[in-house]
N, C-alpha and C. Protein backbone atom coordinates (compact mmCIF):
# COMPACT_ATOMS: atom_id res chain seq x y z
N MET A 1 -10.04 31.54 13.95
CA MET A 1 -10.20 30.24 13.30
C MET A 1 -11.12 29.37 14.15
N THR A 2 -12.17 28.89 13.54
CA THR A 2 -13.11 28.06 14.29
C THR A 2 -12.57 26.66 14.49
N PHE A 3 -12.00 26.06 13.44
CA PHE A 3 -11.50 24.68 13.54
C PHE A 3 -10.00 24.69 13.75
N THR A 4 -9.54 23.87 14.66
CA THR A 4 -8.10 23.74 14.93
C THR A 4 -7.75 22.26 14.94
N LEU A 5 -6.65 21.91 14.29
CA LEU A 5 -6.19 20.52 14.30
C LEU A 5 -5.58 20.23 15.67
N PRO A 6 -6.12 19.24 16.40
CA PRO A 6 -5.56 18.95 17.71
C PRO A 6 -4.29 18.11 17.60
N GLU A 7 -3.47 18.17 18.62
CA GLU A 7 -2.36 17.21 18.72
C GLU A 7 -2.95 15.84 19.03
N LEU A 8 -2.29 14.79 18.57
CA LEU A 8 -2.71 13.45 18.98
C LEU A 8 -2.45 13.29 20.48
N PRO A 9 -3.33 12.55 21.18
CA PRO A 9 -3.13 12.38 22.63
C PRO A 9 -2.11 11.29 22.98
N TYR A 10 -1.35 10.83 21.99
CA TYR A 10 -0.33 9.79 22.21
C TYR A 10 0.69 9.95 21.08
N ALA A 11 1.81 9.26 21.19
CA ALA A 11 2.84 9.33 20.14
C ALA A 11 2.33 8.63 18.87
N TYR A 12 2.89 9.02 17.74
CA TYR A 12 2.45 8.45 16.46
C TYR A 12 2.64 6.92 16.40
N ASP A 13 3.62 6.42 17.14
CA ASP A 13 3.86 4.97 17.09
C ASP A 13 3.22 4.22 18.27
N ALA A 14 2.36 4.92 19.03
CA ALA A 14 1.85 4.33 20.28
C ALA A 14 0.75 3.29 20.08
N LEU A 15 0.12 3.26 18.91
CA LEU A 15 -1.01 2.35 18.70
C LEU A 15 -0.61 1.08 17.94
N GLY A 16 0.68 0.95 17.68
CA GLY A 16 1.14 -0.27 17.00
C GLY A 16 0.98 -1.48 17.89
N PRO A 17 0.83 -2.67 17.32
CA PRO A 17 0.86 -2.98 15.88
C PRO A 17 -0.51 -2.81 15.19
N TYR A 18 -1.49 -2.29 15.91
CA TYR A 18 -2.87 -2.29 15.38
C TYR A 18 -3.13 -1.10 14.45
N MET A 19 -2.42 0.01 14.69
CA MET A 19 -2.50 1.16 13.80
C MET A 19 -1.09 1.76 13.75
N SER A 20 -0.55 1.83 12.55
CA SER A 20 0.87 2.18 12.41
C SER A 20 1.11 3.69 12.49
N LYS A 21 2.37 4.01 12.74
CA LYS A 21 2.83 5.40 12.72
C LYS A 21 2.51 6.03 11.36
N GLU A 22 2.74 5.28 10.27
CA GLU A 22 2.49 5.81 8.93
C GLU A 22 1.01 6.14 8.73
N THR A 23 0.14 5.26 9.20
CA THR A 23 -1.30 5.53 9.10
C THR A 23 -1.67 6.80 9.86
N LEU A 24 -1.19 6.94 11.08
CA LEU A 24 -1.54 8.12 11.89
C LEU A 24 -0.96 9.40 11.26
N GLU A 25 0.23 9.31 10.70
CA GLU A 25 0.81 10.50 10.07
C GLU A 25 -0.04 10.94 8.87
N PHE A 26 -0.44 10.00 8.05
CA PHE A 26 -1.29 10.35 6.90
C PHE A 26 -2.68 10.79 7.35
N HIS A 27 -3.27 10.02 8.27
CA HIS A 27 -4.66 10.25 8.66
C HIS A 27 -4.81 11.56 9.43
N HIS A 28 -3.95 11.78 10.40
CA HIS A 28 -4.04 12.99 11.23
C HIS A 28 -3.45 14.20 10.50
N ASP A 29 -2.20 14.07 10.04
CA ASP A 29 -1.47 15.23 9.52
C ASP A 29 -1.95 15.67 8.14
N LYS A 30 -2.48 14.75 7.36
CA LYS A 30 -2.92 15.10 6.00
C LYS A 30 -4.45 15.18 5.91
N HIS A 31 -5.13 14.08 6.22
CA HIS A 31 -6.59 14.04 6.03
C HIS A 31 -7.33 14.95 7.00
N HIS A 32 -7.07 14.81 8.31
CA HIS A 32 -7.77 15.66 9.27
C HIS A 32 -7.39 17.13 9.05
N LYS A 33 -6.12 17.39 8.77
CA LYS A 33 -5.70 18.77 8.52
C LYS A 33 -6.46 19.36 7.33
N ALA A 34 -6.69 18.56 6.30
CA ALA A 34 -7.42 19.06 5.13
C ALA A 34 -8.86 19.42 5.49
N TYR A 35 -9.50 18.62 6.35
CA TYR A 35 -10.87 18.95 6.79
C TYR A 35 -10.88 20.28 7.55
N VAL A 36 -9.86 20.48 8.39
CA VAL A 36 -9.75 21.72 9.18
C VAL A 36 -9.54 22.92 8.26
N ASP A 37 -8.57 22.80 7.35
CA ASP A 37 -8.24 23.93 6.47
C ASP A 37 -9.41 24.27 5.55
N THR A 38 -10.00 23.25 4.93
CA THR A 38 -11.12 23.48 4.01
C THR A 38 -12.33 23.99 4.77
N GLY A 39 -12.59 23.40 5.93
CA GLY A 39 -13.73 23.85 6.75
C GLY A 39 -13.61 25.30 7.14
N ASN A 40 -12.42 25.72 7.53
CA ASN A 40 -12.21 27.13 7.91
C ASN A 40 -12.45 28.07 6.74
N LYS A 41 -12.01 27.67 5.54
CA LYS A 41 -12.23 28.51 4.35
C LYS A 41 -13.72 28.64 4.06
N LEU A 42 -14.43 27.51 4.18
CA LEU A 42 -15.86 27.51 3.87
C LEU A 42 -16.68 28.26 4.93
N LEU A 43 -16.14 28.36 6.13
CA LEU A 43 -16.83 29.08 7.21
C LEU A 43 -16.72 30.59 7.09
N GLU A 44 -15.65 31.04 6.44
CA GLU A 44 -15.39 32.49 6.35
C GLU A 44 -16.59 33.22 5.77
N GLY A 45 -17.01 34.26 6.49
CA GLY A 45 -18.09 35.10 6.00
C GLY A 45 -19.48 34.54 6.17
N THR A 46 -19.60 33.36 6.81
CA THR A 46 -20.94 32.80 7.05
C THR A 46 -21.39 33.16 8.46
N ASP A 47 -22.69 33.02 8.71
CA ASP A 47 -23.20 33.33 10.05
C ASP A 47 -22.90 32.21 11.04
N LEU A 48 -22.22 31.16 10.56
CA LEU A 48 -21.85 30.06 11.46
C LEU A 48 -20.46 30.23 12.05
N ALA A 49 -19.70 31.18 11.52
CA ALA A 49 -18.34 31.41 12.03
C ALA A 49 -18.43 31.74 13.53
N GLY A 50 -17.60 31.07 14.31
CA GLY A 50 -17.59 31.31 15.75
C GLY A 50 -18.52 30.40 16.53
N LYS A 51 -19.38 29.64 15.84
CA LYS A 51 -20.26 28.68 16.53
C LYS A 51 -19.46 27.43 16.91
N SER A 52 -20.02 26.60 17.78
CA SER A 52 -19.35 25.36 18.15
C SER A 52 -19.37 24.39 16.97
N VAL A 53 -18.46 23.44 16.99
CA VAL A 53 -18.40 22.44 15.92
C VAL A 53 -19.74 21.71 15.81
N GLU A 54 -20.32 21.35 16.96
CA GLU A 54 -21.60 20.63 16.95
C GLU A 54 -22.70 21.47 16.29
N GLU A 55 -22.72 22.77 16.61
CA GLU A 55 -23.73 23.66 16.01
C GLU A 55 -23.53 23.78 14.50
N ILE A 56 -22.28 23.86 14.08
CA ILE A 56 -21.98 23.99 12.65
C ILE A 56 -22.40 22.71 11.92
N VAL A 57 -22.09 21.56 12.51
CA VAL A 57 -22.47 20.28 11.89
C VAL A 57 -23.98 20.21 11.70
N LYS A 58 -24.71 20.50 12.75
CA LYS A 58 -26.18 20.40 12.67
C LYS A 58 -26.77 21.42 11.70
N ALA A 59 -26.25 22.66 11.73
CA ALA A 59 -26.82 23.72 10.89
C ALA A 59 -26.49 23.53 9.42
N SER A 60 -25.34 22.93 9.11
CA SER A 60 -24.94 22.79 7.70
C SER A 60 -25.50 21.52 7.06
N TYR A 61 -26.02 20.61 7.87
CA TYR A 61 -26.58 19.36 7.33
C TYR A 61 -27.77 19.67 6.42
N ASN A 62 -27.70 19.18 5.19
CA ASN A 62 -28.75 19.39 4.18
C ASN A 62 -28.91 20.84 3.72
N THR A 63 -28.00 21.74 4.16
CA THR A 63 -28.11 23.13 3.71
C THR A 63 -26.82 23.60 3.03
N ASN A 64 -25.67 23.08 3.48
CA ASN A 64 -24.38 23.48 2.91
C ASN A 64 -23.50 22.24 2.90
N GLN A 65 -23.63 21.44 1.84
CA GLN A 65 -23.00 20.11 1.82
C GLN A 65 -21.50 20.17 1.96
N ALA A 66 -20.84 21.10 1.28
CA ALA A 66 -19.38 21.17 1.34
C ALA A 66 -18.91 21.47 2.76
N LEU A 67 -19.54 22.44 3.40
CA LEU A 67 -19.19 22.78 4.78
C LEU A 67 -19.51 21.60 5.70
N PHE A 68 -20.68 20.99 5.50
CA PHE A 68 -21.05 19.85 6.35
C PHE A 68 -20.03 18.72 6.24
N ASN A 69 -19.60 18.41 5.04
CA ASN A 69 -18.63 17.32 4.86
C ASN A 69 -17.39 17.54 5.70
N ASN A 70 -16.86 18.76 5.67
CA ASN A 70 -15.62 19.06 6.38
C ASN A 70 -15.84 19.25 7.88
N ALA A 71 -16.94 19.90 8.25
CA ALA A 71 -17.24 20.08 9.68
C ALA A 71 -17.56 18.74 10.33
N GLY A 72 -18.33 17.91 9.62
CA GLY A 72 -18.67 16.58 10.15
C GLY A 72 -17.42 15.74 10.37
N GLN A 73 -16.54 15.75 9.39
CA GLN A 73 -15.32 14.96 9.52
C GLN A 73 -14.39 15.53 10.61
N HIS A 74 -14.38 16.84 10.76
CA HIS A 74 -13.57 17.43 11.85
C HIS A 74 -14.13 16.98 13.19
N TYR A 75 -15.43 17.08 13.38
CA TYR A 75 -16.06 16.62 14.63
C TYR A 75 -15.75 15.15 14.87
N ASN A 76 -15.94 14.33 13.85
CA ASN A 76 -15.73 12.89 14.00
C ASN A 76 -14.29 12.59 14.42
N HIS A 77 -13.34 13.27 13.81
CA HIS A 77 -11.93 12.99 14.10
C HIS A 77 -11.48 13.58 15.44
N LEU A 78 -12.05 14.69 15.86
CA LEU A 78 -11.73 15.21 17.20
C LEU A 78 -11.94 14.12 18.24
N HIS A 79 -13.03 13.35 18.06
CA HIS A 79 -13.32 12.26 19.00
C HIS A 79 -12.56 10.98 18.65
N PHE A 80 -12.39 10.72 17.35
CA PHE A 80 -11.75 9.46 16.94
C PHE A 80 -10.39 9.28 17.58
N TRP A 81 -9.57 10.34 17.61
CA TRP A 81 -8.24 10.20 18.22
C TRP A 81 -8.36 9.85 19.70
N ASN A 82 -9.40 10.34 20.36
CA ASN A 82 -9.58 10.07 21.79
C ASN A 82 -10.30 8.75 22.05
N TRP A 83 -10.96 8.22 21.03
CA TRP A 83 -11.61 6.91 21.18
C TRP A 83 -10.61 5.76 21.14
N MET A 84 -9.33 6.11 20.93
CA MET A 84 -8.28 5.09 20.92
C MET A 84 -7.22 5.43 21.95
N LYS A 85 -6.55 4.39 22.42
CA LYS A 85 -5.41 4.59 23.32
C LYS A 85 -4.51 3.36 23.25
N PRO A 86 -3.25 3.52 23.61
CA PRO A 86 -2.37 2.34 23.69
C PRO A 86 -2.93 1.36 24.72
N ASN A 87 -2.86 0.08 24.43
CA ASN A 87 -3.37 -0.96 25.33
C ASN A 87 -4.85 -0.77 25.65
N GLY A 88 -5.61 -0.37 24.63
CA GLY A 88 -7.04 -0.18 24.81
C GLY A 88 -7.81 -1.48 24.63
N GLY A 89 -9.10 -1.33 24.40
CA GLY A 89 -9.96 -2.51 24.22
C GLY A 89 -10.35 -3.14 25.53
N GLY A 90 -10.70 -4.41 25.49
CA GLY A 90 -11.14 -5.11 26.69
C GLY A 90 -12.58 -4.79 27.02
N GLN A 91 -12.94 -5.09 28.24
CA GLN A 91 -14.33 -4.92 28.68
C GLN A 91 -14.62 -3.47 29.03
N PRO A 92 -15.83 -2.99 28.72
CA PRO A 92 -16.20 -1.63 29.13
C PRO A 92 -16.33 -1.51 30.64
N PRO A 93 -16.27 -0.29 31.20
CA PRO A 93 -16.49 -0.08 32.63
C PRO A 93 -17.88 -0.59 33.04
N ALA A 94 -18.03 -0.87 34.32
CA ALA A 94 -19.21 -1.60 34.82
C ALA A 94 -20.55 -0.99 34.42
N ALA A 95 -20.73 0.32 34.63
CA ALA A 95 -22.03 0.94 34.36
C ALA A 95 -22.36 0.87 32.87
N LEU A 96 -21.35 1.09 32.06
CA LEU A 96 -21.55 1.03 30.61
C LEU A 96 -21.78 -0.41 30.17
N ALA A 97 -21.03 -1.33 30.75
CA ALA A 97 -21.22 -2.76 30.43
C ALA A 97 -22.64 -3.21 30.73
N GLN A 98 -23.18 -2.73 31.86
CA GLN A 98 -24.55 -3.09 32.23
C GLN A 98 -25.55 -2.54 31.21
N LYS A 99 -25.31 -1.30 30.75
CA LYS A 99 -26.19 -0.68 29.76
C LYS A 99 -26.09 -1.42 28.42
N ILE A 100 -24.89 -1.87 28.06
CA ILE A 100 -24.71 -2.67 26.85
C ILE A 100 -25.47 -3.99 26.97
N ASP A 101 -25.42 -4.60 28.16
CA ASP A 101 -26.19 -5.83 28.41
C ASP A 101 -27.68 -5.57 28.21
N GLU A 102 -28.16 -4.49 28.80
CA GLU A 102 -29.61 -4.19 28.76
C GLU A 102 -30.10 -3.85 27.34
N ASP A 103 -29.34 -2.99 26.65
CA ASP A 103 -29.83 -2.43 25.39
C ASP A 103 -29.37 -3.19 24.15
N LEU A 104 -28.22 -3.86 24.25
CA LEU A 104 -27.62 -4.43 23.04
C LEU A 104 -27.36 -5.94 23.15
N GLY A 105 -27.82 -6.56 24.23
CA GLY A 105 -27.71 -8.01 24.33
C GLY A 105 -26.38 -8.54 24.79
N GLY A 106 -25.59 -7.69 25.46
CA GLY A 106 -24.31 -8.14 26.01
C GLY A 106 -23.12 -7.70 25.16
N TYR A 107 -21.94 -7.77 25.76
CA TYR A 107 -20.71 -7.27 25.12
C TYR A 107 -20.39 -8.01 23.83
N GLU A 108 -20.46 -9.34 23.85
CA GLU A 108 -20.08 -10.11 22.65
C GLU A 108 -21.01 -9.79 21.48
N LYS A 109 -22.29 -9.64 21.76
CA LYS A 109 -23.24 -9.30 20.69
C LYS A 109 -22.99 -7.87 20.21
N PHE A 110 -22.74 -6.95 21.17
CA PHE A 110 -22.40 -5.57 20.78
C PHE A 110 -21.19 -5.57 19.86
N LYS A 111 -20.14 -6.31 20.26
CA LYS A 111 -18.90 -6.33 19.48
C LYS A 111 -19.17 -6.84 18.06
N ALA A 112 -19.91 -7.93 17.94
CA ALA A 112 -20.21 -8.50 16.63
C ALA A 112 -21.05 -7.53 15.79
N ASP A 113 -22.04 -6.89 16.42
CA ASP A 113 -22.93 -5.98 15.69
C ASP A 113 -22.21 -4.69 15.29
N PHE A 114 -21.32 -4.22 16.16
CA PHE A 114 -20.55 -3.01 15.87
C PHE A 114 -19.61 -3.26 14.69
N ILE A 115 -18.92 -4.40 14.73
CA ILE A 115 -18.03 -4.77 13.62
C ILE A 115 -18.84 -4.90 12.33
N GLN A 116 -20.00 -5.55 12.43
CA GLN A 116 -20.83 -5.74 11.24
C GLN A 116 -21.32 -4.41 10.66
N ALA A 117 -21.63 -3.46 11.54
CA ALA A 117 -22.04 -2.12 11.07
C ALA A 117 -20.93 -1.49 10.25
N GLY A 118 -19.69 -1.64 10.72
CA GLY A 118 -18.55 -1.09 9.98
C GLY A 118 -18.28 -1.82 8.68
N VAL A 119 -18.39 -3.15 8.72
CA VAL A 119 -18.18 -3.96 7.51
C VAL A 119 -19.27 -3.65 6.49
N GLY A 120 -20.49 -3.47 6.98
CA GLY A 120 -21.64 -3.29 6.09
C GLY A 120 -21.85 -1.88 5.58
N GLN A 121 -21.04 -0.92 6.05
CA GLN A 121 -21.15 0.45 5.54
C GLN A 121 -20.49 0.48 4.16
N PHE A 122 -21.31 0.57 3.12
CA PHE A 122 -20.79 0.53 1.76
C PHE A 122 -19.99 1.81 1.47
N GLY A 123 -18.80 1.64 0.94
CA GLY A 123 -17.95 2.80 0.65
C GLY A 123 -17.43 3.43 1.93
N SER A 124 -17.28 4.74 1.91
CA SER A 124 -16.71 5.46 3.05
C SER A 124 -17.78 5.76 4.09
N GLY A 125 -17.37 5.85 5.34
CA GLY A 125 -18.32 6.20 6.39
C GLY A 125 -17.82 5.82 7.77
N TRP A 126 -18.77 5.64 8.68
CA TRP A 126 -18.45 5.40 10.08
C TRP A 126 -19.45 4.40 10.68
N ALA A 127 -19.00 3.69 11.69
CA ALA A 127 -19.90 2.89 12.54
C ALA A 127 -19.88 3.51 13.93
N TRP A 128 -21.03 3.44 14.62
CA TRP A 128 -21.20 4.20 15.87
C TRP A 128 -21.88 3.40 16.95
N LEU A 129 -21.53 3.74 18.18
CA LEU A 129 -22.34 3.44 19.36
C LEU A 129 -22.85 4.80 19.83
N ALA A 130 -24.17 4.94 19.89
CA ALA A 130 -24.75 6.25 20.20
C ALA A 130 -25.86 6.10 21.23
N VAL A 131 -26.18 7.22 21.86
CA VAL A 131 -27.29 7.27 22.82
C VAL A 131 -28.45 7.99 22.14
N LYS A 132 -29.59 7.31 22.07
CA LYS A 132 -30.78 7.92 21.49
C LYS A 132 -31.96 7.62 22.41
N ASP A 133 -32.63 8.69 22.86
CA ASP A 133 -33.78 8.55 23.77
C ASP A 133 -33.44 7.68 24.98
N GLY A 134 -32.22 7.89 25.52
CA GLY A 134 -31.81 7.18 26.73
C GLY A 134 -31.34 5.76 26.52
N LYS A 135 -31.37 5.27 25.28
CA LYS A 135 -30.93 3.90 25.00
C LYS A 135 -29.71 3.89 24.09
N LEU A 136 -28.89 2.85 24.23
CA LEU A 136 -27.74 2.68 23.34
C LEU A 136 -28.21 2.09 22.02
N ALA A 137 -27.59 2.53 20.94
CA ALA A 137 -27.91 2.00 19.62
C ALA A 137 -26.64 1.94 18.78
N ILE A 138 -26.57 0.95 17.89
CA ILE A 138 -25.47 0.85 16.94
C ILE A 138 -25.97 1.38 15.61
N LEU A 139 -25.21 2.31 15.03
CA LEU A 139 -25.61 2.97 13.79
C LEU A 139 -24.44 2.96 12.82
N LYS A 140 -24.74 3.20 11.55
CA LYS A 140 -23.69 3.45 10.57
C LYS A 140 -24.13 4.63 9.72
N THR A 141 -23.15 5.41 9.26
CA THR A 141 -23.47 6.58 8.45
C THR A 141 -22.49 6.67 7.28
N PRO A 142 -22.92 7.26 6.16
CA PRO A 142 -22.01 7.43 5.04
C PRO A 142 -21.13 8.67 5.20
N ASN A 143 -19.99 8.64 4.56
CA ASN A 143 -19.10 9.80 4.42
C ASN A 143 -18.80 10.45 5.77
N GLY A 144 -19.08 11.76 5.92
CA GLY A 144 -18.76 12.45 7.18
C GLY A 144 -19.95 12.61 8.10
N GLU A 145 -21.05 11.96 7.74
CA GLU A 145 -22.28 12.08 8.56
C GLU A 145 -22.07 11.42 9.92
N ASN A 146 -22.78 11.90 10.92
CA ASN A 146 -22.68 11.29 12.24
C ASN A 146 -24.04 11.33 12.95
N PRO A 147 -24.17 10.64 14.08
CA PRO A 147 -25.46 10.56 14.76
C PRO A 147 -26.04 11.88 15.23
N LEU A 148 -25.22 12.93 15.36
CA LEU A 148 -25.72 14.24 15.79
C LEU A 148 -26.88 14.71 14.92
N VAL A 149 -26.78 14.45 13.61
CA VAL A 149 -27.80 14.97 12.69
C VAL A 149 -29.03 14.06 12.63
N HIS A 150 -29.01 12.98 13.42
CA HIS A 150 -30.16 12.08 13.49
C HIS A 150 -30.72 12.01 14.91
N GLY A 151 -30.45 13.06 15.68
CA GLY A 151 -31.02 13.14 17.02
C GLY A 151 -30.40 12.22 18.05
N SER A 152 -29.17 11.76 17.78
CA SER A 152 -28.47 10.87 18.72
C SER A 152 -27.14 11.51 19.13
N THR A 153 -26.58 11.00 20.21
CA THR A 153 -25.27 11.47 20.67
C THR A 153 -24.26 10.34 20.53
N PRO A 154 -23.25 10.50 19.67
CA PRO A 154 -22.25 9.44 19.52
C PRO A 154 -21.35 9.35 20.75
N ILE A 155 -21.12 8.13 21.22
CA ILE A 155 -20.18 7.96 22.34
C ILE A 155 -18.98 7.09 21.93
N LEU A 156 -19.08 6.42 20.77
CA LEU A 156 -17.96 5.67 20.21
C LEU A 156 -18.15 5.61 18.70
N GLY A 157 -17.10 5.87 17.96
CA GLY A 157 -17.18 5.78 16.51
C GLY A 157 -15.89 5.23 15.94
N VAL A 158 -16.03 4.54 14.81
CA VAL A 158 -14.84 4.03 14.12
C VAL A 158 -14.92 4.45 12.66
N ASP A 159 -13.82 4.98 12.18
CA ASP A 159 -13.70 5.49 10.82
C ASP A 159 -13.48 4.31 9.88
N VAL A 160 -14.36 4.14 8.88
CA VAL A 160 -14.14 3.07 7.91
C VAL A 160 -13.84 3.62 6.51
N TRP A 161 -13.41 4.88 6.44
CA TRP A 161 -12.81 5.36 5.20
C TRP A 161 -11.52 4.57 4.97
N GLU A 162 -11.19 4.31 3.72
CA GLU A 162 -10.01 3.47 3.47
C GLU A 162 -8.72 4.07 4.03
N HIS A 163 -8.64 5.41 4.09
CA HIS A 163 -7.39 6.00 4.60
C HIS A 163 -7.13 5.65 6.06
N SER A 164 -8.16 5.19 6.77
CA SER A 164 -7.95 4.85 8.19
C SER A 164 -7.36 3.46 8.39
N TYR A 165 -7.39 2.63 7.35
CA TYR A 165 -6.89 1.26 7.56
C TYR A 165 -6.09 0.67 6.40
N TYR A 166 -6.10 1.29 5.22
CA TYR A 166 -5.57 0.60 4.05
C TYR A 166 -4.06 0.37 4.11
N ILE A 167 -3.32 1.29 4.71
CA ILE A 167 -1.86 1.10 4.82
C ILE A 167 -1.56 -0.16 5.64
N ASP A 168 -2.33 -0.38 6.70
CA ASP A 168 -2.05 -1.49 7.62
C ASP A 168 -2.78 -2.78 7.26
N TYR A 169 -3.98 -2.67 6.71
CA TYR A 169 -4.82 -3.86 6.53
C TYR A 169 -5.21 -4.11 5.08
N ARG A 170 -4.77 -3.24 4.16
CA ARG A 170 -5.22 -3.33 2.77
C ARG A 170 -6.75 -3.41 2.73
N ASN A 171 -7.31 -4.42 2.10
CA ASN A 171 -8.78 -4.47 1.96
C ASN A 171 -9.45 -5.27 3.07
N ARG A 172 -8.73 -5.56 4.16
CA ARG A 172 -9.28 -6.40 5.23
C ARG A 172 -9.97 -5.54 6.30
N ARG A 173 -11.04 -4.89 5.91
CA ARG A 173 -11.76 -4.02 6.84
C ARG A 173 -12.22 -4.78 8.09
N PRO A 174 -12.74 -6.02 8.00
CA PRO A 174 -13.16 -6.73 9.21
C PRO A 174 -12.02 -6.90 10.22
N ASP A 175 -10.79 -7.15 9.73
CA ASP A 175 -9.64 -7.32 10.64
C ASP A 175 -9.32 -6.01 11.36
N TYR A 176 -9.40 -4.91 10.63
CA TYR A 176 -9.19 -3.59 11.22
C TYR A 176 -10.23 -3.32 12.32
N LEU A 177 -11.48 -3.59 12.03
CA LEU A 177 -12.55 -3.33 13.01
C LEU A 177 -12.39 -4.20 14.25
N LYS A 178 -12.00 -5.45 14.06
CA LYS A 178 -11.77 -6.36 15.19
C LYS A 178 -10.61 -5.85 16.05
N ALA A 179 -9.53 -5.42 15.38
CA ALA A 179 -8.38 -4.87 16.12
C ALA A 179 -8.77 -3.60 16.87
N PHE A 180 -9.59 -2.77 16.25
CA PHE A 180 -10.03 -1.52 16.90
C PHE A 180 -10.79 -1.83 18.19
N ILE A 181 -11.79 -2.68 18.11
CA ILE A 181 -12.65 -2.91 19.27
C ILE A 181 -11.91 -3.71 20.36
N GLU A 182 -11.03 -4.62 19.96
CA GLU A 182 -10.37 -5.49 20.94
C GLU A 182 -9.11 -4.89 21.53
N ASN A 183 -8.46 -3.97 20.81
CA ASN A 183 -7.13 -3.52 21.24
C ASN A 183 -6.91 -2.02 21.31
N LEU A 184 -7.85 -1.22 20.80
CA LEU A 184 -7.61 0.22 20.73
C LEU A 184 -8.62 1.07 21.49
N VAL A 185 -9.84 0.59 21.69
CA VAL A 185 -10.89 1.45 22.26
C VAL A 185 -10.51 1.98 23.64
N ASN A 186 -10.67 3.29 23.79
CA ASN A 186 -10.45 3.97 25.07
C ASN A 186 -11.80 4.04 25.79
N TRP A 187 -12.10 3.00 26.57
CA TRP A 187 -13.42 2.90 27.21
C TRP A 187 -13.66 4.02 28.22
N GLU A 188 -12.59 4.56 28.80
CA GLU A 188 -12.77 5.66 29.77
C GLU A 188 -13.36 6.89 29.06
N TYR A 189 -12.89 7.14 27.84
CA TYR A 189 -13.42 8.27 27.07
C TYR A 189 -14.87 8.01 26.66
N VAL A 190 -15.15 6.79 26.26
CA VAL A 190 -16.53 6.41 25.91
C VAL A 190 -17.44 6.61 27.12
N GLU A 191 -16.96 6.18 28.29
CA GLU A 191 -17.74 6.32 29.53
C GLU A 191 -18.00 7.79 29.85
N LYS A 192 -16.98 8.64 29.64
CA LYS A 192 -17.14 10.09 29.88
C LYS A 192 -18.23 10.66 28.98
N LEU A 193 -18.19 10.32 27.69
CA LEU A 193 -19.21 10.81 26.77
C LEU A 193 -20.59 10.25 27.11
N TYR A 194 -20.63 9.02 27.56
CA TYR A 194 -21.92 8.42 27.95
C TYR A 194 -22.50 9.18 29.14
N GLY A 195 -21.66 9.52 30.11
CA GLY A 195 -22.11 10.30 31.26
C GLY A 195 -22.67 11.65 30.85
N GLU A 196 -21.99 12.30 29.89
CA GLU A 196 -22.46 13.62 29.40
C GLU A 196 -23.76 13.48 28.61
N ALA A 197 -23.90 12.41 27.85
CA ALA A 197 -25.10 12.20 27.05
C ALA A 197 -26.32 11.92 27.92
N LYS A 198 -26.05 11.28 29.05
CA LYS A 198 -27.14 10.92 30.00
C LYS A 198 -27.61 12.11 30.80
N ALA A 199 -26.69 13.05 31.02
CA ALA A 199 -26.95 14.16 31.95
C ALA A 199 -28.09 15.05 31.48
């Protein structure tokens, strides 16, 4: 099996009050599991079986839409669970904060622009902080698409599909995004990915 549903790196109730146990049970156990199960079925018998998730995402983009949808969402969620932690948020680590100052006009501007990217993504999709050509950029993508297929490396992403916030926030997507950036982001994981993207 190429795709495997990971365990959450924290208890289901660990992200409250910003993300509820019910949301995580539905989002992880039902939605992410469906991407894994469907993705594995679609991979069977293809020359992509056994490749890395990143390779499958890139190779299936614009060539096998059904596989891409599920592989992209699996990749996105593998990181999404790690982009959050209990008592997260706050200021980024020093080196990353300096890069945000240089490339994005400071933390407060980054925060506002990141939230706006998520609010402005029409329908389902994601908002991202990514590294492209050595610089940080804020991007948004529809559905399961991610910066990998646009020549960038995502280091932070937030899911703006309704299943990620509707139980807790109903239609208040801006409130969800504000809670995510201020209270949930695992900056240590973002910093790790930034280091790998720079290398």
